[in-house]
Amino acid sequence: MEPVEIIEDGLLLRPWQAGDADAVHRACQDPDIQRWTTVPRPYLPEHAHGFVTGIAARAWAEGTGAPFAVCDADTGELLGSCGLVSIDRALDSAEIGYWTAPWARGRGVTVRATRAVARWAFDALKLRRLVWQAEVGNHYSRLVALRAGFQVSGELRLAHPAEGGRTAGWIGSLLPGEVPAPGEPGPAGPDTLDRSE
């Protein structure tokens, strides 16, 4: 699959580049990213370099994923990560994953990025469904998913938890036509919090 760029709602989503490694390493020192994602712990510079130069490029080349660097469309500053972490062509389905750099939180970056990736996945890849999963207790990830239009439908027992975490995960899905338009508020769900990522 050929890598693409998406420009939407003040964001530039683009393939990862070698020059992103330092910012990725800095972002992934954040305790919340280490707590709620599957990044290695401790997160070393070689992990960041391997991700931006190897893992991300392989996912695009093999068609198994579509990882995007989320950047400010005007300045190019790295704000986070959002993309399809697994694509299942047999089901025309994919799982979405994201994290927000600590310096970019509170601005709705990840909601906007998730909506942009979802629109692209449905329009360009013709997927029929996107799946979101998070460890139970990751309320910010859940709020992002809800605001992006996902319907959170239940829990998975014995989900793959982050190290030292719980053994249950939330799961949700998003279908074509359910993605809120840029700037549209979108549903917040029953557990609305004061800040979104």
N, C-alpha and C. Protein backbone atom coordinates (compact mmCIF):
# COMPACT_ATOMS: atom_id res chain seq x y z
N MET A 1 0.85 -1.17 0.00
CA MET A 1 0.00 0.00 0.00
C MET A 1 0.89 1.24 0.00
N GLU A 2 0.56 2.19 -0.84
CA GLU A 2 1.35 3.42 -0.93
C GLU A 2 1.01 4.36 0.22
N PRO A 3 2.01 4.88 0.92
CA PRO A 3 1.75 5.86 1.98
C PRO A 3 1.10 7.11 1.41
N VAL A 4 0.26 7.75 2.21
CA VAL A 4 -0.44 8.96 1.78
C VAL A 4 -0.31 10.02 2.87
N GLU A 5 -0.67 11.24 2.51
CA GLU A 5 -0.79 12.33 3.47
C GLU A 5 -2.25 12.77 3.51
N ILE A 6 -2.69 13.18 4.68
CA ILE A 6 -4.05 13.70 4.86
C ILE A 6 -3.92 15.07 5.52
N ILE A 7 -4.56 16.06 4.93
CA ILE A 7 -4.62 17.39 5.55
C ILE A 7 -6.08 17.66 5.85
N GLU A 8 -6.38 17.86 7.15
CA GLU A 8 -7.77 18.07 7.55
C GLU A 8 -7.82 18.76 8.90
N ASP A 9 -8.70 19.72 9.02
CA ASP A 9 -9.04 20.33 10.31
C ASP A 9 -7.80 20.81 11.07
N GLY A 10 -6.87 21.45 10.35
CA GLY A 10 -5.68 22.01 10.98
C GLY A 10 -4.56 21.03 11.23
N LEU A 11 -4.72 19.80 10.75
CA LEU A 11 -3.70 18.77 10.98
C LEU A 11 -3.13 18.26 9.66
N LEU A 12 -1.88 17.86 9.72
CA LEU A 12 -1.23 17.12 8.64
C LEU A 12 -0.92 15.74 9.18
N LEU A 13 -1.51 14.73 8.56
CA LEU A 13 -1.19 13.35 8.91
C LEU A 13 -0.33 12.81 7.79
N ARG A 14 0.86 12.37 8.13
CA ARG A 14 1.82 11.94 7.11
C ARG A 14 2.56 10.70 7.59
N PRO A 15 3.20 9.98 6.66
CA PRO A 15 4.03 8.84 7.07
C PRO A 15 5.17 9.30 7.99
N TRP A 16 5.58 8.41 8.85
CA TRP A 16 6.68 8.71 9.76
C TRP A 16 7.98 8.87 9.00
N GLN A 17 8.87 9.72 9.52
CA GLN A 17 10.17 9.99 8.92
C GLN A 17 11.26 9.80 9.96
N ALA A 18 12.47 9.54 9.49
CA ALA A 18 13.59 9.33 10.41
C ALA A 18 13.77 10.51 11.36
N GLY A 19 13.52 11.72 10.88
CA GLY A 19 13.69 12.91 11.70
C GLY A 19 12.69 13.03 12.84
N ASP A 20 11.68 12.16 12.87
CA ASP A 20 10.68 12.18 13.95
C ASP A 20 11.15 11.44 15.20
N ALA A 21 12.24 10.71 15.10
CA ALA A 21 12.63 9.80 16.19
C ALA A 21 12.82 10.51 17.52
N ASP A 22 13.46 11.67 17.52
CA ASP A 22 13.71 12.36 18.80
C ASP A 22 12.39 12.78 19.47
N ALA A 23 11.45 13.32 18.67
CA ALA A 23 10.17 13.74 19.24
C ALA A 23 9.36 12.55 19.73
N VAL A 24 9.42 11.44 19.00
CA VAL A 24 8.71 10.23 19.43
C VAL A 24 9.30 9.73 20.75
N HIS A 25 10.62 9.72 20.84
CA HIS A 25 11.26 9.27 22.08
C HIS A 25 10.85 10.17 23.25
N ARG A 26 10.86 11.48 23.02
CA ARG A 26 10.47 12.43 24.08
C ARG A 26 9.01 12.21 24.50
N ALA A 27 8.12 12.06 23.52
CA ALA A 27 6.70 11.86 23.83
C ALA A 27 6.48 10.58 24.63
N CYS A 28 7.18 9.53 24.25
CA CYS A 28 6.95 8.21 24.86
C CYS A 28 7.62 8.04 26.22
N GLN A 29 8.23 9.11 26.73
CA GLN A 29 8.67 9.10 28.13
C GLN A 29 7.50 9.40 29.05
N ASP A 30 6.39 9.87 28.48
CA ASP A 30 5.21 10.24 29.25
C ASP A 30 4.62 9.04 29.98
N PRO A 31 4.36 9.15 31.27
CA PRO A 31 3.82 8.02 32.03
C PRO A 31 2.49 7.51 31.49
N ASP A 32 1.63 8.39 30.99
CA ASP A 32 0.34 7.94 30.46
C ASP A 32 0.51 7.12 29.19
N ILE A 33 1.41 7.53 28.30
CA ILE A 33 1.65 6.74 27.08
C ILE A 33 2.21 5.38 27.48
N GLN A 34 3.14 5.37 28.43
CA GLN A 34 3.70 4.08 28.85
C GLN A 34 2.67 3.23 29.59
N ARG A 35 1.76 3.86 30.31
CA ARG A 35 0.76 3.12 31.07
C ARG A 35 -0.29 2.50 30.16
N TRP A 36 -0.77 3.26 29.16
CA TRP A 36 -1.95 2.84 28.42
C TRP A 36 -1.69 2.30 27.02
N THR A 37 -0.44 2.33 26.55
CA THR A 37 -0.15 1.77 25.23
C THR A 37 0.81 0.60 25.38
N THR A 38 1.16 0.02 24.27
CA THR A 38 2.04 -1.15 24.30
C THR A 38 3.48 -0.80 23.95
N VAL A 39 3.87 0.48 24.08
CA VAL A 39 5.26 0.84 23.80
C VAL A 39 6.18 0.12 24.78
N PRO A 40 7.40 -0.19 24.37
CA PRO A 40 8.35 -0.82 25.29
C PRO A 40 8.62 0.08 26.50
N ARG A 41 8.90 -0.56 27.63
CA ARG A 41 9.23 0.15 28.85
C ARG A 41 10.51 -0.46 29.42
N PRO A 42 11.55 0.31 29.61
CA PRO A 42 11.68 1.73 29.29
C PRO A 42 11.71 1.97 27.78
N TYR A 43 11.32 3.15 27.36
CA TYR A 43 11.29 3.49 25.93
C TYR A 43 12.59 4.21 25.59
N LEU A 44 13.42 3.54 24.82
CA LEU A 44 14.77 4.02 24.52
C LEU A 44 14.83 4.69 23.14
N PRO A 45 15.87 5.48 22.89
CA PRO A 45 16.00 6.11 21.56
C PRO A 45 15.97 5.10 20.41
N GLU A 46 16.54 3.93 20.62
CA GLU A 46 16.53 2.92 19.54
C GLU A 46 15.12 2.40 19.24
N HIS A 47 14.24 2.40 20.23
CA HIS A 47 12.85 2.02 19.98
C HIS A 47 12.19 3.03 19.05
N ALA A 48 12.39 4.31 19.33
CA ALA A 48 11.80 5.36 18.49
C ALA A 48 12.35 5.29 17.08
N HIS A 49 13.66 5.14 16.96
CA HIS A 49 14.29 5.06 15.63
C HIS A 49 13.77 3.84 14.86
N GLY A 50 13.67 2.70 15.54
CA GLY A 50 13.17 1.49 14.89
C GLY A 50 11.73 1.62 14.44
N PHE A 51 10.94 2.35 15.22
CA PHE A 51 9.54 2.55 14.84
C PHE A 51 9.43 3.42 13.61
N VAL A 52 10.07 4.59 13.61
CA VAL A 52 9.87 5.53 12.50
C VAL A 52 10.56 5.09 11.22
N THR A 53 11.65 4.31 11.32
CA THR A 53 12.37 3.91 10.11
C THR A 53 12.07 2.49 9.66
N GLY A 54 11.55 1.65 10.55
CA GLY A 54 11.33 0.25 10.19
C GLY A 54 9.89 -0.21 10.31
N ILE A 55 9.39 -0.22 11.53
CA ILE A 55 8.05 -0.77 11.79
C ILE A 55 6.98 -0.05 10.98
N ALA A 56 7.00 1.28 11.01
CA ALA A 56 5.96 2.05 10.31
C ALA A 56 6.04 1.84 8.80
N ALA A 57 7.24 1.88 8.25
CA ALA A 57 7.41 1.69 6.80
C ALA A 57 6.97 0.30 6.37
N ARG A 58 7.30 -0.72 7.17
CA ARG A 58 6.90 -2.09 6.84
C ARG A 58 5.38 -2.24 6.83
N ALA A 59 4.71 -1.61 7.78
CA ALA A 59 3.25 -1.70 7.84
C ALA A 59 2.63 -1.18 6.55
N TRP A 60 3.10 -0.03 6.08
CA TRP A 60 2.60 0.51 4.81
C TRP A 60 2.93 -0.43 3.65
N ALA A 61 4.19 -0.87 3.57
CA ALA A 61 4.63 -1.69 2.44
C ALA A 61 3.88 -3.02 2.36
N GLU A 62 3.61 -3.61 3.53
CA GLU A 62 2.93 -4.91 3.57
C GLU A 62 1.41 -4.78 3.58
N GLY A 63 0.90 -3.56 3.73
CA GLY A 63 -0.55 -3.35 3.76
C GLY A 63 -1.20 -3.83 5.04
N THR A 64 -0.41 -3.99 6.10
CA THR A 64 -0.95 -4.49 7.36
C THR A 64 -1.35 -3.36 8.31
N GLY A 65 -0.92 -2.14 8.00
CA GLY A 65 -1.24 -1.00 8.84
C GLY A 65 -1.02 0.29 8.09
N ALA A 66 -1.48 1.38 8.69
CA ALA A 66 -1.32 2.71 8.10
C ALA A 66 -1.03 3.69 9.23
N PRO A 67 0.23 3.71 9.71
CA PRO A 67 0.57 4.59 10.83
C PRO A 67 0.92 6.00 10.35
N PHE A 68 0.29 6.99 10.97
CA PHE A 68 0.52 8.39 10.61
C PHE A 68 1.15 9.15 11.77
N ALA A 69 2.10 10.02 11.43
CA ALA A 69 2.53 11.06 12.35
C ALA A 69 1.49 12.17 12.28
N VAL A 70 1.01 12.62 13.42
CA VAL A 70 0.01 13.69 13.47
C VAL A 70 0.76 14.99 13.77
N CYS A 71 0.68 15.92 12.81
CA CYS A 71 1.45 17.16 12.92
C CYS A 71 0.53 18.37 12.78
N ASP A 72 0.99 19.49 13.31
CA ASP A 72 0.31 20.76 13.07
C ASP A 72 0.47 21.10 11.60
N ALA A 73 -0.63 21.39 10.91
CA ALA A 73 -0.57 21.63 9.46
C ALA A 73 0.22 22.89 9.12
N ASP A 74 0.29 23.85 10.03
CA ASP A 74 1.01 25.10 9.75
C ASP A 74 2.48 25.03 10.12
N THR A 75 2.78 24.46 11.29
CA THR A 75 4.17 24.48 11.78
C THR A 75 4.93 23.18 11.53
N GLY A 76 4.21 22.10 11.32
CA GLY A 76 4.85 20.80 11.15
C GLY A 76 5.21 20.12 12.46
N GLU A 77 4.92 20.76 13.61
CA GLU A 77 5.25 20.17 14.91
C GLU A 77 4.53 18.84 15.10
N LEU A 78 5.27 17.85 15.60
CA LEU A 78 4.67 16.55 15.90
C LEU A 78 3.77 16.67 17.12
N LEU A 79 2.52 16.22 16.97
CA LEU A 79 1.53 16.31 18.04
C LEU A 79 1.11 14.95 18.58
N GLY A 80 1.31 13.90 17.78
CA GLY A 80 0.88 12.59 18.23
C GLY A 80 0.98 11.56 17.14
N SER A 81 0.32 10.46 17.37
CA SER A 81 0.31 9.32 16.46
C SER A 81 -1.12 8.83 16.32
N CYS A 82 -1.52 8.51 15.10
CA CYS A 82 -2.85 7.96 14.87
C CYS A 82 -2.79 7.13 13.60
N GLY A 83 -3.43 6.00 13.61
CA GLY A 83 -3.43 5.21 12.39
C GLY A 83 -4.10 3.87 12.57
N LEU A 84 -4.07 3.12 11.50
CA LEU A 84 -4.61 1.77 11.51
C LEU A 84 -3.49 0.84 11.94
N VAL A 85 -3.67 0.20 13.09
CA VAL A 85 -2.61 -0.66 13.62
C VAL A 85 -2.71 -2.07 13.08
N SER A 86 -3.85 -2.42 12.52
CA SER A 86 -3.97 -3.71 11.83
C SER A 86 -5.11 -3.60 10.83
N ILE A 87 -4.86 -4.13 9.64
CA ILE A 87 -5.86 -4.11 8.58
C ILE A 87 -6.15 -5.56 8.21
N ASP A 88 -7.42 -5.93 8.21
CA ASP A 88 -7.85 -7.28 7.85
C ASP A 88 -8.66 -7.17 6.56
N ARG A 89 -8.03 -7.45 5.44
CA ARG A 89 -8.69 -7.32 4.14
C ARG A 89 -9.77 -8.38 3.94
N ALA A 90 -9.67 -9.51 4.62
CA ALA A 90 -10.70 -10.54 4.49
C ALA A 90 -12.03 -10.03 5.04
N LEU A 91 -11.97 -9.21 6.08
CA LEU A 91 -13.17 -8.65 6.69
C LEU A 91 -13.40 -7.19 6.31
N ASP A 92 -12.47 -6.60 5.54
CA ASP A 92 -12.51 -5.16 5.25
C ASP A 92 -12.70 -4.37 6.54
N SER A 93 -11.85 -4.70 7.51
CA SER A 93 -11.92 -4.10 8.84
C SER A 93 -10.51 -3.74 9.28
N ALA A 94 -10.42 -2.80 10.21
CA ALA A 94 -9.12 -2.42 10.76
C ALA A 94 -9.31 -1.92 12.18
N GLU A 95 -8.24 -2.00 12.97
CA GLU A 95 -8.24 -1.43 14.32
C GLU A 95 -7.50 -0.10 14.29
N ILE A 96 -8.02 0.88 15.00
CA ILE A 96 -7.36 2.18 15.06
C ILE A 96 -6.65 2.33 16.40
N GLY A 97 -5.53 3.01 16.37
CA GLY A 97 -4.78 3.27 17.59
C GLY A 97 -4.22 4.67 17.57
N TYR A 98 -3.97 5.24 18.75
CA TYR A 98 -3.47 6.61 18.81
C TYR A 98 -2.84 6.90 20.15
N TRP A 99 -1.99 7.92 20.15
CA TRP A 99 -1.52 8.54 21.38
C TRP A 99 -1.29 10.02 21.09
N THR A 100 -1.33 10.81 22.15
CA THR A 100 -1.15 12.26 22.04
C THR A 100 0.10 12.66 22.81
N ALA A 101 0.97 13.43 22.17
CA ALA A 101 2.15 13.93 22.86
C ALA A 101 1.71 14.81 24.03
N PRO A 102 2.41 14.76 25.14
CA PRO A 102 2.00 15.53 26.32
C PRO A 102 1.84 17.03 26.02
N TRP A 103 2.69 17.56 25.16
CA TRP A 103 2.64 19.00 24.86
C TRP A 103 1.48 19.38 23.94
N ALA A 104 0.72 18.40 23.44
CA ALA A 104 -0.39 18.69 22.51
C ALA A 104 -1.75 18.40 23.10
N ARG A 105 -1.81 18.01 24.36
CA ARG A 105 -3.08 17.60 24.96
C ARG A 105 -3.99 18.79 25.26
N GLY A 106 -5.29 18.49 25.29
CA GLY A 106 -6.27 19.50 25.62
C GLY A 106 -6.74 20.33 24.44
N ARG A 107 -6.35 19.96 23.21
CA ARG A 107 -6.70 20.75 22.03
C ARG A 107 -7.54 19.96 21.02
N GLY A 108 -7.98 18.78 21.40
CA GLY A 108 -8.79 17.98 20.49
C GLY A 108 -8.02 17.39 19.33
N VAL A 109 -6.70 17.33 19.44
CA VAL A 109 -5.86 16.84 18.34
C VAL A 109 -6.23 15.42 17.95
N THR A 110 -6.34 14.54 18.91
CA THR A 110 -6.54 13.13 18.59
C THR A 110 -7.95 12.85 18.10
N VAL A 111 -8.93 13.59 18.57
CA VAL A 111 -10.28 13.44 18.02
C VAL A 111 -10.27 13.81 16.53
N ARG A 112 -9.66 14.95 16.20
CA ARG A 112 -9.59 15.39 14.80
C ARG A 112 -8.82 14.40 13.94
N ALA A 113 -7.70 13.89 14.48
CA ALA A 113 -6.88 12.94 13.72
C ALA A 113 -7.63 11.62 13.50
N THR A 114 -8.32 11.15 14.54
CA THR A 114 -9.06 9.89 14.43
C THR A 114 -10.17 10.01 13.39
N ARG A 115 -10.87 11.13 13.39
CA ARG A 115 -11.91 11.34 12.38
C ARG A 115 -11.32 11.36 10.98
N ALA A 116 -10.18 12.03 10.82
CA ALA A 116 -9.55 12.12 9.50
C ALA A 116 -9.11 10.74 9.01
N VAL A 117 -8.49 9.95 9.89
CA VAL A 117 -8.06 8.60 9.50
C VAL A 117 -9.27 7.74 9.18
N ALA A 118 -10.32 7.86 9.98
CA ALA A 118 -11.53 7.06 9.74
C ALA A 118 -12.14 7.40 8.37
N ARG A 119 -12.25 8.70 8.07
CA ARG A 119 -12.81 9.09 6.78
C ARG A 119 -11.99 8.52 5.62
N TRP A 120 -10.66 8.63 5.76
CA TRP A 120 -9.76 8.10 4.72
C TRP A 120 -9.91 6.57 4.60
N ALA A 121 -9.99 5.89 5.73
CA ALA A 121 -10.12 4.42 5.70
C ALA A 121 -11.40 3.98 4.99
N PHE A 122 -12.49 4.70 5.23
CA PHE A 122 -13.75 4.34 4.59
C PHE A 122 -13.79 4.77 3.13
N ASP A 123 -13.29 5.96 2.83
CA ASP A 123 -13.38 6.48 1.46
C ASP A 123 -12.33 5.88 0.53
N ALA A 124 -11.07 5.85 0.97
CA ALA A 124 -9.98 5.40 0.10
C ALA A 124 -9.76 3.89 0.15
N LEU A 125 -9.81 3.31 1.35
CA LEU A 125 -9.57 1.87 1.47
C LEU A 125 -10.84 1.05 1.37
N LYS A 126 -11.99 1.73 1.41
CA LYS A 126 -13.30 1.07 1.31
C LYS A 126 -13.52 0.04 2.42
N LEU A 127 -13.01 0.36 3.62
CA LEU A 127 -13.25 -0.54 4.75
C LEU A 127 -14.71 -0.45 5.18
N ARG A 128 -15.19 -1.53 5.78
CA ARG A 128 -16.58 -1.59 6.24
C ARG A 128 -16.73 -1.30 7.73
N ARG A 129 -15.60 -1.38 8.46
CA ARG A 129 -15.68 -1.20 9.91
C ARG A 129 -14.31 -0.85 10.47
N LEU A 130 -14.31 0.04 11.45
CA LEU A 130 -13.12 0.29 12.26
C LEU A 130 -13.42 -0.16 13.68
N VAL A 131 -12.42 -0.72 14.33
CA VAL A 131 -12.54 -1.20 15.70
C VAL A 131 -11.59 -0.39 16.58
N TRP A 132 -12.06 -0.06 17.76
CA TRP A 132 -11.24 0.63 18.77
C TRP A 132 -11.24 -0.23 20.02
N GLN A 133 -10.07 -0.35 20.64
CA GLN A 133 -9.96 -1.07 21.91
C GLN A 133 -9.07 -0.28 22.86
N ALA A 134 -9.38 -0.35 24.13
CA ALA A 134 -8.54 0.26 25.16
C ALA A 134 -8.73 -0.50 26.45
N GLU A 135 -7.71 -0.46 27.26
CA GLU A 135 -7.79 -1.10 28.57
C GLU A 135 -8.85 -0.38 29.40
N VAL A 136 -9.65 -1.14 30.13
CA VAL A 136 -10.65 -0.54 31.01
C VAL A 136 -9.95 0.42 31.97
N GLY A 137 -10.48 1.61 32.07
CA GLY A 137 -9.87 2.64 32.90
C GLY A 137 -9.22 3.75 32.11
N ASN A 138 -8.97 3.52 30.82
CA ASN A 138 -8.35 4.55 29.97
C ASN A 138 -9.45 5.48 29.45
N HIS A 139 -9.93 6.33 30.35
CA HIS A 139 -11.08 7.17 30.05
C HIS A 139 -10.81 8.20 28.95
N TYR A 140 -9.58 8.70 28.85
CA TYR A 140 -9.30 9.67 27.80
C TYR A 140 -9.36 9.02 26.43
N SER A 141 -8.83 7.82 26.29
CA SER A 141 -8.93 7.12 25.01
C SER A 141 -10.38 6.85 24.66
N ARG A 142 -11.15 6.47 25.66
CA ARG A 142 -12.57 6.20 25.42
C ARG A 142 -13.31 7.47 24.99
N LEU A 143 -12.99 8.59 25.61
CA LEU A 143 -13.65 9.83 25.25
C LEU A 143 -13.29 10.25 23.82
N VAL A 144 -12.03 10.07 23.44
CA VAL A 144 -11.63 10.34 22.06
C VAL A 144 -12.45 9.48 21.10
N ALA A 145 -12.54 8.19 21.39
CA ALA A 145 -13.30 7.29 20.52
C ALA A 145 -14.76 7.72 20.41
N LEU A 146 -15.37 8.05 21.53
CA LEU A 146 -16.77 8.49 21.51
C LEU A 146 -16.95 9.75 20.69
N ARG A 147 -16.06 10.72 20.88
CA ARG A 147 -16.16 11.98 20.14
C ARG A 147 -15.85 11.80 18.66
N ALA A 148 -15.14 10.74 18.32
CA ALA A 148 -14.86 10.44 16.91
C ALA A 148 -16.00 9.65 16.26
N GLY A 149 -17.02 9.26 17.06
CA GLY A 149 -18.18 8.59 16.51
C GLY A 149 -18.29 7.11 16.81
N PHE A 150 -17.29 6.54 17.50
CA PHE A 150 -17.34 5.11 17.81
C PHE A 150 -18.46 4.82 18.79
N GLN A 151 -19.08 3.68 18.62
CA GLN A 151 -20.05 3.16 19.59
C GLN A 151 -19.32 2.14 20.45
N VAL A 152 -19.20 2.44 21.73
CA VAL A 152 -18.53 1.52 22.65
C VAL A 152 -19.57 0.51 23.09
N SER A 153 -19.32 -0.75 22.75
CA SER A 153 -20.37 -1.76 22.88
C SER A 153 -20.14 -2.80 23.96
N GLY A 154 -19.01 -2.75 24.62
CA GLY A 154 -18.83 -3.75 25.66
C GLY A 154 -17.40 -3.87 26.11
N GLU A 155 -17.15 -4.96 26.82
CA GLU A 155 -15.83 -5.24 27.35
C GLU A 155 -15.35 -6.59 26.85
N LEU A 156 -14.05 -6.68 26.67
CA LEU A 156 -13.41 -7.95 26.33
C LEU A 156 -12.70 -8.46 27.58
N ARG A 157 -13.07 -9.64 28.03
CA ARG A 157 -12.35 -10.24 29.15
C ARG A 157 -11.05 -10.82 28.64
N LEU A 158 -10.05 -10.81 29.49
CA LEU A 158 -8.72 -11.32 29.16
C LEU A 158 -8.14 -10.63 27.93
N ALA A 159 -8.45 -9.33 27.79
CA ALA A 159 -7.83 -8.54 26.72
C ALA A 159 -6.34 -8.44 27.02
N HIS A 160 -5.53 -8.16 26.01
CA HIS A 160 -4.09 -8.03 26.22
C HIS A 160 -3.82 -6.72 26.95
N PRO A 161 -3.53 -6.76 28.24
CA PRO A 161 -3.37 -5.52 29.00
C PRO A 161 -1.96 -4.96 28.88
N ALA A 162 -1.84 -3.69 29.16
CA ALA A 162 -0.51 -3.10 29.31
C ALA A 162 0.15 -3.76 30.52
N GLU A 163 1.46 -3.71 30.55
CA GLU A 163 2.20 -4.36 31.64
C GLU A 163 1.69 -3.89 33.00
N GLY A 164 1.32 -4.85 33.83
CA GLY A 164 0.85 -4.53 35.17
C GLY A 164 -0.57 -4.00 35.20
N GLY A 165 -1.25 -4.06 34.08
CA GLY A 165 -2.59 -3.49 34.00
C GLY A 165 -3.68 -4.50 34.29
N ARG A 166 -4.88 -4.07 34.01
CA ARG A 166 -6.05 -4.94 34.22
C ARG A 166 -6.16 -5.93 33.08
N THR A 167 -7.10 -6.85 33.22
CA THR A 167 -7.24 -7.89 32.21
C THR A 167 -8.49 -7.72 31.37
N ALA A 168 -9.13 -6.58 31.44
CA ALA A 168 -10.32 -6.36 30.63
C ALA A 168 -10.12 -5.12 29.76
N GLY A 169 -10.75 -5.15 28.59
CA GLY A 169 -10.65 -4.02 27.68
C GLY A 169 -12.01 -3.60 27.18
N TRP A 170 -12.15 -2.30 26.88
CA TRP A 170 -13.34 -1.81 26.21
C TRP A 170 -13.19 -2.03 24.71
N ILE A 171 -14.31 -2.19 24.03
CA ILE A 171 -14.27 -2.35 22.58
C ILE A 171 -15.40 -1.53 21.96
N GLY A 172 -15.11 -0.94 20.83
CA GLY A 172 -16.11 -0.15 20.11
C GLY A 172 -15.91 -0.29 18.61
N SER A 173 -16.88 0.18 17.86
CA SER A 173 -16.79 0.09 16.40
C SER A 173 -17.37 1.35 15.77
N LEU A 174 -16.93 1.57 14.54
CA LEU A 174 -17.35 2.72 13.76
C LEU A 174 -17.60 2.24 12.34
N LEU A 175 -18.71 2.67 11.75
CA LEU A 175 -19.08 2.26 10.40
C LEU A 175 -19.10 3.47 9.48
N PRO A 176 -19.01 3.24 8.17
CA PRO A 176 -19.10 4.37 7.24
C PRO A 176 -20.38 5.17 7.49
N GLY A 177 -20.28 6.47 7.37
CA GLY A 177 -21.43 7.34 7.60
C GLY A 177 -21.61 7.77 9.03
N GLU A 178 -20.80 7.23 9.96
CA GLU A 178 -20.93 7.57 11.38
C GLU A 178 -19.87 8.56 11.86
N VAL A 179 -18.97 8.96 10.98
CA VAL A 179 -17.89 9.86 11.39
C VAL A 179 -18.40 11.30 11.37
N PRO A 180 -18.34 12.00 12.52
CA PRO A 180 -18.78 13.40 12.52
C PRO A 180 -17.93 14.25 11.56
N ALA A 181 -18.53 15.26 10.98
CA ALA A 181 -17.82 16.17 10.08
C ALA A 181 -16.81 17.00 10.87
N PRO A 182 -15.77 17.52 10.18
CA PRO A 182 -14.82 18.40 10.88
C PRO A 182 -15.56 19.55 11.57
N GLY A 183 -15.21 19.77 12.84
CA GLY A 183 -15.83 20.84 13.61
C GLY A 183 -17.14 20.46 14.29
N GLU A 184 -17.73 19.34 13.89
CA GLU A 184 -18.97 18.89 14.52
C GLU A 184 -18.65 18.29 15.88
N PRO A 185 -19.46 18.57 16.92
CA PRO A 185 -19.09 18.11 18.26
C PRO A 185 -19.01 16.59 18.40
N GLY A 186 -19.94 15.85 17.90
CA GLY A 186 -19.91 14.40 18.07
C GLY A 186 -20.37 13.99 19.45
N PRO A 187 -20.79 12.74 19.61
CA PRO A 187 -21.29 12.28 20.90
C PRO A 187 -20.17 12.20 21.92
N ALA A 188 -20.50 12.50 23.16
CA ALA A 188 -19.49 12.45 24.22
C ALA A 188 -19.65 11.22 25.10
N GLY A 189 -20.83 10.62 25.12
CA GLY A 189 -21.01 9.42 25.91
C GLY A 189 -21.27 9.72 27.38
N PRO A 190 -21.56 8.68 28.17
CA PRO A 190 -21.94 8.86 29.56
C PRO A 190 -20.81 9.26 30.48
N ASP A 191 -19.56 9.05 30.06
CA ASP A 191 -18.45 9.33 30.97
C ASP A 191 -17.62 10.50 30.46
N THR A 192 -18.30 11.57 30.07
CA THR A 192 -17.61 12.75 29.55
C THR A 192 -16.68 13.32 30.60
N LEU A 193 -15.48 13.67 30.13
CA LEU A 193 -14.47 14.28 31.03
C LEU A 193 -14.26 15.72 30.60
N ASP A 194 -13.51 16.45 31.40
CA ASP A 194 -13.34 17.88 31.15
C ASP A 194 -12.39 18.18 30.01
N ARG A 195 -11.51 17.26 29.64
CA ARG A 195 -10.54 17.57 28.59
C ARG A 195 -10.43 16.39 27.66
N SER A 196 -10.25 16.66 26.39
CA SER A 196 -10.02 15.59 25.42
C SER A 196 -8.59 15.68 24.95
N GLU A 197 -8.09 14.59 24.44
CA GLU A 197 -6.70 14.59 23.97
C GLU A 197 -6.65 14.97 22.51
